[in-house]
């Protein structure tokens, strides 16, 4: 069975929004290796609507190995509002999304990776469908912005720490699974 694995950059105060705008001083080769390892262990991506829109506007116009990977990888986007998902190799998931994701997990292949899509990550955790949550905690307090578990209202969600690593820049890589 395939696993769904999410990797998120997050501030000390839980902000996950626009990480590319504030993570620069803490990005290091070892952080890049960790992210690369996550990507190397996946052969599909699961995205929410907002992240999909950002990626679909950017990656088809890029060149190089990363662009080839992003464009060529099968992508599954969860949205109740999109009418179509035109970025190459993309399938739109609507309706009984939990059942469709469960079916994806039962297929053959490597991990199904997630980058961004914090709302979807949170929902998947509460549905018991996310297998690994990799949080790259950057040593900064942002004060405002979208948080991973903001106003969730779904109650407690116990998690189990399954791995941790500290990088020289002060970034922590914390890996969680359902408790």
N, C-alpha and C. Protein backbone atom coordinates (compact mmCIF):
# COMPACT_ATOMS: atom_id res chain seq x y z
N UNK A 1 0.85 -1.18 0.00
CA UNK A 1 0.00 0.00 0.00
C UNK A 1 0.89 1.24 0.00
N UNK A 2 0.51 2.22 -0.79
CA UNK A 2 1.24 3.47 -0.87
C UNK A 2 0.94 4.34 0.35
N UNK A 3 1.89 5.23 0.66
CA UNK A 3 1.70 6.18 1.75
C UNK A 3 1.53 7.58 1.18
N UNK A 4 0.75 8.38 1.88
CA UNK A 4 0.68 9.81 1.58
C UNK A 4 1.61 10.50 2.57
N UNK A 5 2.56 11.27 2.02
CA UNK A 5 3.60 11.91 2.82
C UNK A 5 3.61 13.40 2.51
N UNK A 6 3.46 14.20 3.54
CA UNK A 6 3.43 15.66 3.38
C UNK A 6 4.69 16.26 3.97
N UNK A 7 5.22 17.26 3.28
CA UNK A 7 6.33 18.05 3.79
C UNK A 7 5.95 19.52 3.78
N UNK A 8 6.03 20.16 4.93
CA UNK A 8 5.64 21.57 5.04
C UNK A 8 6.71 22.37 5.77
N UNK A 9 6.98 23.57 5.27
CA UNK A 9 7.79 24.54 6.00
C UNK A 9 6.85 25.29 6.92
N UNK A 10 7.26 25.44 8.18
CA UNK A 10 6.37 26.04 9.17
C UNK A 10 7.20 26.90 10.12
N UNK A 11 6.65 28.05 10.50
CA UNK A 11 7.32 28.92 11.46
C UNK A 11 7.07 28.41 12.88
N UNK A 12 7.80 28.96 13.84
CA UNK A 12 7.60 28.55 15.24
C UNK A 12 6.17 28.81 15.72
N UNK A 13 5.51 29.81 15.15
CA UNK A 13 4.14 30.10 15.56
C UNK A 13 3.11 29.45 14.63
N UNK A 14 3.54 28.46 13.85
CA UNK A 14 2.60 27.64 13.09
C UNK A 14 2.20 28.13 11.72
N UNK A 15 2.83 29.20 11.21
CA UNK A 15 2.47 29.74 9.91
C UNK A 15 3.09 28.88 8.80
N UNK A 16 2.26 28.54 7.81
CA UNK A 16 2.70 27.74 6.66
C UNK A 16 2.54 28.49 5.34
N UNK A 17 1.96 29.67 5.40
CA UNK A 17 1.64 30.44 4.20
C UNK A 17 2.88 31.13 3.63
N UNK A 18 3.02 31.09 2.30
CA UNK A 18 4.07 31.83 1.59
C UNK A 18 5.47 31.57 2.12
N UNK A 19 5.79 30.33 2.40
CA UNK A 19 7.10 29.99 2.98
C UNK A 19 8.25 30.45 2.10
N UNK A 20 8.07 30.46 0.79
CA UNK A 20 9.15 30.90 -0.09
C UNK A 20 9.56 32.34 0.17
N UNK A 21 8.67 33.12 0.77
CA UNK A 21 8.96 34.53 1.04
C UNK A 21 9.76 34.74 2.32
N UNK A 22 9.79 33.77 3.23
CA UNK A 22 10.45 33.99 4.51
C UNK A 22 11.46 32.92 4.92
N UNK A 23 11.63 31.89 4.13
CA UNK A 23 12.51 30.80 4.55
C UNK A 23 13.96 30.96 4.12
N UNK A 24 14.24 31.90 3.23
CA UNK A 24 15.55 32.05 2.63
C UNK A 24 16.75 31.95 3.56
N UNK A 25 16.79 32.70 4.66
CA UNK A 25 17.98 32.66 5.51
C UNK A 25 18.26 31.30 6.16
N UNK A 26 17.26 30.44 6.19
CA UNK A 26 17.42 29.16 6.88
C UNK A 26 17.53 27.97 5.93
N UNK A 27 17.42 28.25 4.62
CA UNK A 27 17.55 27.14 3.67
C UNK A 27 19.02 26.77 3.57
N UNK A 28 19.29 25.48 3.62
CA UNK A 28 20.67 24.98 3.60
C UNK A 28 20.75 23.74 2.74
N UNK A 29 21.96 23.32 2.39
CA UNK A 29 22.09 22.08 1.61
C UNK A 29 21.46 20.87 2.32
N UNK A 30 21.59 20.79 3.64
CA UNK A 30 21.01 19.64 4.34
C UNK A 30 19.48 19.68 4.31
N UNK A 31 18.89 20.87 4.37
CA UNK A 31 17.44 21.00 4.23
C UNK A 31 17.03 20.63 2.81
N UNK A 32 17.80 21.09 1.84
CA UNK A 32 17.55 20.72 0.45
C UNK A 32 17.63 19.21 0.22
N UNK A 33 18.58 18.56 0.87
CA UNK A 33 18.70 17.10 0.76
C UNK A 33 17.48 16.41 1.36
N UNK A 34 16.99 16.90 2.48
CA UNK A 34 15.82 16.29 3.12
C UNK A 34 14.60 16.42 2.22
N UNK A 35 14.41 17.59 1.64
CA UNK A 35 13.28 17.81 0.73
C UNK A 35 13.46 16.94 -0.51
N UNK A 36 14.68 16.88 -1.03
CA UNK A 36 14.96 16.05 -2.20
C UNK A 36 14.70 14.58 -1.93
N UNK A 37 15.01 14.13 -0.73
CA UNK A 37 14.75 12.74 -0.36
C UNK A 37 13.26 12.43 -0.34
N UNK A 38 12.47 13.37 0.20
CA UNK A 38 11.01 13.19 0.19
C UNK A 38 10.51 13.08 -1.25
N UNK A 39 11.00 13.97 -2.11
CA UNK A 39 10.55 13.96 -3.50
C UNK A 39 11.03 12.70 -4.23
N UNK A 40 12.22 12.23 -3.90
CA UNK A 40 12.76 11.05 -4.54
C UNK A 40 12.00 9.78 -4.20
N UNK A 41 11.28 9.80 -3.09
CA UNK A 41 10.53 8.62 -2.66
C UNK A 41 9.06 8.67 -3.09
N UNK A 42 8.73 9.61 -3.97
CA UNK A 42 7.33 9.71 -4.42
C UNK A 42 7.28 9.56 -5.94
N UNK A 43 6.13 9.10 -6.41
CA UNK A 43 5.91 9.04 -7.86
C UNK A 43 4.57 9.65 -8.25
N UNK A 44 3.96 10.38 -7.32
CA UNK A 44 2.71 11.08 -7.57
C UNK A 44 2.61 12.21 -6.55
N UNK A 45 1.79 13.23 -6.89
CA UNK A 45 1.57 14.36 -5.99
C UNK A 45 0.08 14.53 -5.74
N UNK A 46 -0.25 14.89 -4.51
CA UNK A 46 -1.62 15.22 -4.13
C UNK A 46 -1.63 16.68 -3.73
N UNK A 47 -2.51 17.46 -4.35
CA UNK A 47 -2.51 18.90 -4.15
C UNK A 47 -3.92 19.42 -3.86
N UNK A 48 -3.98 20.47 -3.07
CA UNK A 48 -5.22 21.21 -2.91
C UNK A 48 -5.34 22.23 -4.03
N UNK A 49 -6.48 22.86 -4.12
CA UNK A 49 -6.77 23.79 -5.21
C UNK A 49 -5.80 24.96 -5.27
N UNK A 50 -5.49 25.59 -4.14
CA UNK A 50 -4.64 26.79 -4.14
C UNK A 50 -3.22 26.43 -4.58
N UNK A 51 -2.65 25.40 -3.99
CA UNK A 51 -1.30 24.99 -4.37
C UNK A 51 -1.26 24.55 -5.82
N UNK A 52 -2.29 23.82 -6.24
CA UNK A 52 -2.36 23.41 -7.65
C UNK A 52 -2.33 24.63 -8.57
N UNK A 53 -3.13 25.64 -8.27
CA UNK A 53 -3.19 26.83 -9.12
C UNK A 53 -1.83 27.52 -9.19
N UNK A 54 -1.14 27.61 -8.05
CA UNK A 54 0.18 28.24 -8.03
C UNK A 54 1.17 27.43 -8.87
N UNK A 55 1.20 26.12 -8.66
CA UNK A 55 2.14 25.26 -9.39
C UNK A 55 1.82 25.23 -10.89
N UNK A 56 0.54 25.13 -11.23
CA UNK A 56 0.13 25.04 -12.64
C UNK A 56 0.43 26.33 -13.38
N UNK A 57 0.47 27.45 -12.68
CA UNK A 57 0.81 28.73 -13.31
C UNK A 57 2.32 28.87 -13.51
N UNK A 58 3.10 28.15 -12.71
CA UNK A 58 4.56 28.30 -12.72
C UNK A 58 5.29 27.22 -13.52
N UNK A 59 5.10 25.96 -13.15
CA UNK A 59 5.96 24.88 -13.64
C UNK A 59 5.87 24.60 -15.15
N UNK A 60 4.74 24.70 -15.80
CA UNK A 60 4.72 24.42 -17.24
C UNK A 60 5.60 25.37 -18.06
N UNK A 61 5.99 26.51 -17.48
CA UNK A 61 6.78 27.51 -18.20
C UNK A 61 8.26 27.46 -17.81
N UNK A 62 8.64 26.45 -17.04
CA UNK A 62 10.03 26.32 -16.58
C UNK A 62 10.74 25.22 -17.36
N UNK A 63 12.06 25.22 -17.28
CA UNK A 63 12.88 24.18 -17.90
C UNK A 63 13.83 23.62 -16.87
N UNK A 64 14.33 22.42 -17.14
CA UNK A 64 15.30 21.79 -16.27
C UNK A 64 14.75 20.56 -15.59
N UNK A 65 15.61 19.93 -14.79
CA UNK A 65 15.24 18.68 -14.14
C UNK A 65 14.03 18.82 -13.22
N UNK A 66 14.02 19.89 -12.40
CA UNK A 66 12.91 20.06 -11.46
C UNK A 66 11.60 20.29 -12.22
N UNK A 67 11.65 21.09 -13.28
CA UNK A 67 10.45 21.32 -14.09
C UNK A 67 9.99 20.03 -14.74
N UNK A 68 10.94 19.24 -15.25
CA UNK A 68 10.58 17.96 -15.86
C UNK A 68 9.90 17.05 -14.84
N UNK A 69 10.43 17.04 -13.62
CA UNK A 69 9.84 16.22 -12.56
C UNK A 69 8.43 16.70 -12.22
N UNK A 70 8.29 18.00 -11.99
CA UNK A 70 6.99 18.55 -11.59
C UNK A 70 5.96 18.37 -12.70
N UNK A 71 6.36 18.59 -13.93
CA UNK A 71 5.41 18.48 -15.04
C UNK A 71 5.10 17.03 -15.39
N UNK A 72 6.06 16.14 -15.25
CA UNK A 72 5.87 14.76 -15.66
C UNK A 72 5.23 13.85 -14.62
N UNK A 73 5.26 14.26 -13.37
CA UNK A 73 4.71 13.43 -12.29
C UNK A 73 3.19 13.45 -12.33
N UNK A 74 2.54 12.29 -12.14
CA UNK A 74 1.08 12.29 -12.02
C UNK A 74 0.65 13.13 -10.81
N UNK A 75 -0.35 13.97 -11.03
CA UNK A 75 -0.84 14.87 -10.00
C UNK A 75 -2.33 14.65 -9.80
N UNK A 76 -2.74 14.71 -8.55
CA UNK A 76 -4.15 14.58 -8.18
C UNK A 76 -4.51 15.84 -7.40
N UNK A 77 -5.51 16.56 -7.87
CA UNK A 77 -5.89 17.80 -7.21
C UNK A 77 -7.30 17.65 -6.64
N UNK A 78 -7.44 18.03 -5.37
CA UNK A 78 -8.72 17.97 -4.67
C UNK A 78 -9.35 19.34 -4.72
N UNK A 79 -10.55 19.43 -5.29
CA UNK A 79 -11.25 20.71 -5.36
C UNK A 79 -12.72 20.49 -5.63
N UNK A 80 -13.53 21.26 -4.93
CA UNK A 80 -14.97 21.28 -5.21
C UNK A 80 -15.32 22.38 -6.20
N UNK A 81 -14.37 23.28 -6.46
CA UNK A 81 -14.68 24.44 -7.29
C UNK A 81 -14.06 24.42 -8.68
N UNK A 82 -12.95 23.72 -8.85
CA UNK A 82 -12.34 23.66 -10.19
C UNK A 82 -13.24 22.88 -11.14
N UNK A 83 -13.33 23.37 -12.36
CA UNK A 83 -14.09 22.67 -13.40
C UNK A 83 -13.18 21.75 -14.22
N UNK A 84 -11.90 22.11 -14.27
CA UNK A 84 -10.93 21.31 -15.03
C UNK A 84 -9.55 21.51 -14.41
N UNK A 85 -8.68 20.56 -14.64
CA UNK A 85 -7.29 20.62 -14.20
C UNK A 85 -6.43 20.32 -15.43
N UNK A 86 -5.96 21.38 -16.08
CA UNK A 86 -5.34 21.25 -17.39
C UNK A 86 -3.83 21.05 -17.38
N UNK A 87 -3.19 21.19 -16.26
CA UNK A 87 -1.75 20.95 -16.19
C UNK A 87 -1.51 19.49 -16.52
N UNK A 88 -0.52 19.21 -17.35
CA UNK A 88 -0.30 17.84 -17.82
C UNK A 88 -0.23 16.83 -16.67
N UNK A 89 -0.75 15.65 -16.91
CA UNK A 89 -0.74 14.53 -15.96
C UNK A 89 -1.52 14.82 -14.68
N UNK A 90 -2.58 15.63 -14.76
CA UNK A 90 -3.36 15.98 -13.58
C UNK A 90 -4.76 15.37 -13.66
N UNK A 91 -5.18 14.80 -12.54
CA UNK A 91 -6.53 14.26 -12.39
C UNK A 91 -7.23 15.04 -11.29
N UNK A 92 -8.44 15.46 -11.56
CA UNK A 92 -9.25 16.20 -10.61
C UNK A 92 -10.03 15.22 -9.75
N UNK A 93 -9.91 15.37 -8.42
CA UNK A 93 -10.65 14.52 -7.48
C UNK A 93 -11.79 15.34 -6.88
N UNK A 94 -13.02 14.87 -7.09
CA UNK A 94 -14.20 15.54 -6.56
C UNK A 94 -15.19 14.49 -6.08
N UNK A 95 -16.18 14.91 -5.34
CA UNK A 95 -17.17 13.96 -4.85
C UNK A 95 -16.70 13.30 -3.57
N UNK A 96 -16.68 11.97 -3.54
CA UNK A 96 -16.23 11.22 -2.36
C UNK A 96 -14.70 11.15 -2.38
N UNK A 97 -14.08 12.25 -2.02
CA UNK A 97 -12.62 12.39 -2.10
C UNK A 97 -11.92 11.38 -1.20
N UNK A 98 -12.45 11.13 -0.02
CA UNK A 98 -11.82 10.16 0.88
C UNK A 98 -11.74 8.79 0.22
N UNK A 99 -12.80 8.37 -0.45
CA UNK A 99 -12.80 7.07 -1.13
C UNK A 99 -11.81 7.07 -2.29
N UNK A 100 -11.74 8.17 -3.04
CA UNK A 100 -10.81 8.23 -4.17
C UNK A 100 -9.37 8.19 -3.69
N UNK A 101 -9.07 8.89 -2.60
CA UNK A 101 -7.71 8.89 -2.05
C UNK A 101 -7.38 7.52 -1.48
N UNK A 102 -8.32 6.89 -0.82
CA UNK A 102 -8.10 5.53 -0.31
C UNK A 102 -7.77 4.59 -1.46
N UNK A 103 -8.46 4.73 -2.57
CA UNK A 103 -8.19 3.89 -3.74
C UNK A 103 -6.79 4.18 -4.30
N UNK A 104 -6.39 5.44 -4.35
CA UNK A 104 -5.04 5.79 -4.80
C UNK A 104 -3.99 5.12 -3.93
N UNK A 105 -4.22 5.14 -2.62
CA UNK A 105 -3.26 4.55 -1.69
C UNK A 105 -3.14 3.03 -1.89
N UNK A 106 -4.19 2.41 -2.35
CA UNK A 106 -4.19 0.95 -2.53
C UNK A 106 -3.48 0.52 -3.81
N UNK A 107 -3.14 1.47 -4.67
CA UNK A 107 -2.45 1.14 -5.90
C UNK A 107 -0.98 0.86 -5.68
N UNK A 108 -0.33 0.44 -6.74
CA UNK A 108 1.11 0.18 -6.69
C UNK A 108 1.86 1.47 -6.89
N UNK A 109 3.07 1.51 -6.36
CA UNK A 109 3.93 2.65 -6.60
C UNK A 109 4.60 3.13 -5.34
N UNK A 110 5.32 4.24 -5.51
CA UNK A 110 6.01 4.87 -4.39
C UNK A 110 5.00 5.73 -3.62
N UNK A 111 5.54 6.57 -2.74
CA UNK A 111 4.70 7.47 -1.95
C UNK A 111 3.96 8.47 -2.83
N UNK A 112 2.86 8.96 -2.31
CA UNK A 112 2.14 10.08 -2.90
C UNK A 112 2.53 11.28 -2.07
N UNK A 113 3.25 12.21 -2.67
CA UNK A 113 3.81 13.34 -1.94
C UNK A 113 2.90 14.55 -1.95
N UNK A 114 3.07 15.36 -0.91
CA UNK A 114 2.32 16.61 -0.80
C UNK A 114 3.29 17.72 -0.41
N UNK A 115 3.15 18.84 -1.09
CA UNK A 115 3.87 20.06 -0.76
C UNK A 115 2.82 21.16 -0.66
N UNK A 116 2.89 21.94 0.40
CA UNK A 116 1.86 22.96 0.58
C UNK A 116 0.53 22.31 0.88
N UNK A 117 -0.55 22.93 0.42
CA UNK A 117 -1.90 22.38 0.58
C UNK A 117 -2.25 22.13 2.04
N UNK A 118 -1.99 23.13 2.89
CA UNK A 118 -2.17 22.96 4.33
C UNK A 118 -3.59 22.58 4.71
N UNK A 119 -4.59 23.14 4.05
CA UNK A 119 -5.98 22.80 4.38
C UNK A 119 -6.23 21.33 4.09
N UNK A 120 -5.74 20.84 2.97
CA UNK A 120 -5.89 19.43 2.62
C UNK A 120 -5.09 18.54 3.57
N UNK A 121 -3.90 18.95 3.94
CA UNK A 121 -3.08 18.18 4.88
C UNK A 121 -3.83 18.00 6.19
N UNK A 122 -4.37 19.09 6.72
CA UNK A 122 -5.12 19.03 7.97
C UNK A 122 -6.32 18.09 7.84
N UNK A 123 -7.07 18.22 6.76
CA UNK A 123 -8.24 17.36 6.54
C UNK A 123 -7.83 15.89 6.45
N UNK A 124 -6.76 15.61 5.72
CA UNK A 124 -6.29 14.22 5.59
C UNK A 124 -5.88 13.64 6.94
N UNK A 125 -5.24 14.45 7.77
CA UNK A 125 -4.86 13.98 9.11
C UNK A 125 -6.10 13.57 9.91
N UNK A 126 -7.12 14.42 9.88
CA UNK A 126 -8.34 14.12 10.63
C UNK A 126 -9.11 12.94 10.04
N UNK A 127 -8.93 12.68 8.76
CA UNK A 127 -9.58 11.53 8.11
C UNK A 127 -8.78 10.24 8.28
N UNK A 128 -7.57 10.34 8.84
CA UNK A 128 -6.71 9.17 8.99
C UNK A 128 -6.08 8.72 7.68
N UNK A 129 -5.96 9.62 6.72
CA UNK A 129 -5.42 9.27 5.40
C UNK A 129 -3.98 9.72 5.18
N UNK A 130 -3.47 10.62 6.01
CA UNK A 130 -2.09 11.07 5.87
C UNK A 130 -1.20 10.16 6.72
N UNK A 131 -0.20 9.58 6.09
CA UNK A 131 0.65 8.61 6.79
C UNK A 131 1.84 9.24 7.48
N UNK A 132 2.44 10.26 6.87
CA UNK A 132 3.60 10.92 7.46
C UNK A 132 3.46 12.43 7.25
N UNK A 133 3.74 13.18 8.31
CA UNK A 133 3.75 14.63 8.26
C UNK A 133 5.17 15.07 8.62
N UNK A 134 5.87 15.63 7.64
CA UNK A 134 7.22 16.16 7.85
C UNK A 134 7.11 17.66 8.00
N UNK A 135 7.42 18.16 9.19
CA UNK A 135 7.40 19.59 9.43
C UNK A 135 8.84 20.08 9.51
N UNK A 136 9.15 21.05 8.67
CA UNK A 136 10.45 21.71 8.70
C UNK A 136 10.23 23.02 9.43
N UNK A 137 10.56 23.02 10.74
CA UNK A 137 10.26 24.15 11.61
C UNK A 137 11.41 25.15 11.54
N UNK A 138 11.11 26.33 11.02
CA UNK A 138 12.12 27.37 10.88
C UNK A 138 12.10 28.28 12.10
N UNK A 139 13.27 28.71 12.57
CA UNK A 139 13.36 29.48 13.81
C UNK A 139 12.97 30.95 13.61
N UNK A 140 11.71 31.16 13.33
CA UNK A 140 11.20 32.51 13.14
C UNK A 140 9.74 32.56 13.60
N UNK A 141 9.35 33.67 14.19
CA UNK A 141 7.96 33.92 14.55
C UNK A 141 7.46 34.99 13.58
N UNK A 142 6.41 34.65 12.85
CA UNK A 142 5.90 35.57 11.83
C UNK A 142 4.75 36.43 12.31
N UNK A 143 4.03 35.98 13.30
CA UNK A 143 2.96 36.80 13.88
C UNK A 143 1.63 36.72 13.17
N UNK A 144 1.64 36.52 11.87
CA UNK A 144 0.38 36.41 11.14
C UNK A 144 0.60 35.55 9.90
N UNK A 145 -0.51 35.06 9.37
CA UNK A 145 -0.48 34.20 8.20
C UNK A 145 -1.25 32.93 8.47
N UNK A 146 -1.50 32.19 7.42
CA UNK A 146 -2.28 30.96 7.56
C UNK A 146 -1.49 29.93 8.36
N UNK A 147 -2.18 29.35 9.32
CA UNK A 147 -1.56 28.33 10.17
C UNK A 147 -2.07 26.96 9.77
N UNK A 148 -1.27 25.96 10.07
CA UNK A 148 -1.62 24.59 9.67
C UNK A 148 -2.94 24.16 10.30
N UNK A 149 -3.15 24.48 11.55
CA UNK A 149 -4.37 24.04 12.23
C UNK A 149 -5.16 25.23 12.75
N UNK A 150 -5.39 26.22 11.91
CA UNK A 150 -6.11 27.40 12.35
C UNK A 150 -7.61 27.16 12.36
N UNK A 151 -8.23 27.50 13.46
CA UNK A 151 -9.69 27.41 13.59
C UNK A 151 -10.26 26.12 13.05
N UNK A 152 -9.58 25.01 13.34
CA UNK A 152 -9.98 23.74 12.75
C UNK A 152 -11.32 23.27 13.29
N UNK A 153 -11.49 23.33 14.59
CA UNK A 153 -12.77 22.95 15.17
C UNK A 153 -13.04 21.46 15.17
N UNK A 154 -12.12 20.66 14.65
CA UNK A 154 -12.34 19.22 14.60
C UNK A 154 -11.89 18.51 15.88
N UNK A 155 -11.39 19.25 16.83
CA UNK A 155 -10.99 18.63 18.08
C UNK A 155 -9.54 18.18 18.08
N UNK A 156 -9.20 17.45 19.13
CA UNK A 156 -7.83 16.98 19.30
C UNK A 156 -7.44 15.98 18.23
N UNK A 157 -6.17 16.00 17.91
CA UNK A 157 -5.61 15.06 16.95
C UNK A 157 -4.26 14.59 17.50
N UNK A 158 -4.23 13.47 18.20
CA UNK A 158 -2.95 13.00 18.75
C UNK A 158 -2.04 12.51 17.62
N UNK A 159 -0.78 12.92 17.71
CA UNK A 159 0.23 12.49 16.75
C UNK A 159 1.40 11.89 17.51
N UNK A 160 2.18 11.09 16.80
CA UNK A 160 3.34 10.43 17.40
C UNK A 160 4.58 10.91 16.65
N UNK A 161 5.58 11.41 17.38
CA UNK A 161 6.84 11.81 16.78
C UNK A 161 7.61 10.55 16.39
N UNK A 162 7.92 10.42 15.11
CA UNK A 162 8.62 9.22 14.63
C UNK A 162 10.05 9.51 14.20
N UNK A 163 10.41 10.79 14.16
CA UNK A 163 11.77 11.15 13.81
C UNK A 163 12.02 12.62 14.03
N UNK A 164 13.28 12.96 14.31
CA UNK A 164 13.63 14.36 14.46
C UNK A 164 15.09 14.55 14.08
N UNK A 165 15.36 15.72 13.54
CA UNK A 165 16.71 16.06 13.13
C UNK A 165 16.86 17.57 13.22
N UNK A 166 18.00 18.03 13.69
CA UNK A 166 18.28 19.46 13.78
C UNK A 166 19.37 19.80 12.77
N UNK A 167 19.17 20.88 12.03
CA UNK A 167 20.14 21.33 11.05
C UNK A 167 20.92 22.52 11.60
N UNK A 168 22.09 22.76 11.06
CA UNK A 168 22.98 23.82 11.53
C UNK A 168 22.37 25.21 11.49
N UNK A 169 21.39 25.44 10.66
CA UNK A 169 20.75 26.75 10.57
C UNK A 169 19.67 26.95 11.63
N UNK A 170 19.45 25.94 12.46
CA UNK A 170 18.42 26.03 13.48
C UNK A 170 17.09 25.45 13.07
N UNK A 171 17.00 24.93 11.86
CA UNK A 171 15.77 24.30 11.38
C UNK A 171 15.65 22.91 12.01
N UNK A 172 14.44 22.59 12.45
CA UNK A 172 14.14 21.24 12.94
C UNK A 172 13.31 20.50 11.91
N UNK A 173 13.65 19.26 11.67
CA UNK A 173 12.85 18.38 10.79
C UNK A 173 12.18 17.38 11.71
N UNK A 174 10.88 17.55 11.88
CA UNK A 174 10.09 16.70 12.76
C UNK A 174 9.15 15.85 11.92
N UNK A 175 9.15 14.56 12.17
CA UNK A 175 8.28 13.65 11.42
C UNK A 175 7.25 13.06 12.36
N UNK A 176 5.97 13.15 11.94
CA UNK A 176 4.86 12.67 12.75
C UNK A 176 4.03 11.66 11.99
N UNK A 177 3.39 10.79 12.74
CA UNK A 177 2.38 9.85 12.22
C UNK A 177 1.21 9.87 13.20
N UNK A 178 0.10 9.29 12.78
CA UNK A 178 -1.04 9.20 13.70
C UNK A 178 -0.65 8.40 14.92
N UNK A 179 -1.15 8.82 16.07
CA UNK A 179 -0.81 8.13 17.33
C UNK A 179 -1.66 6.89 17.48
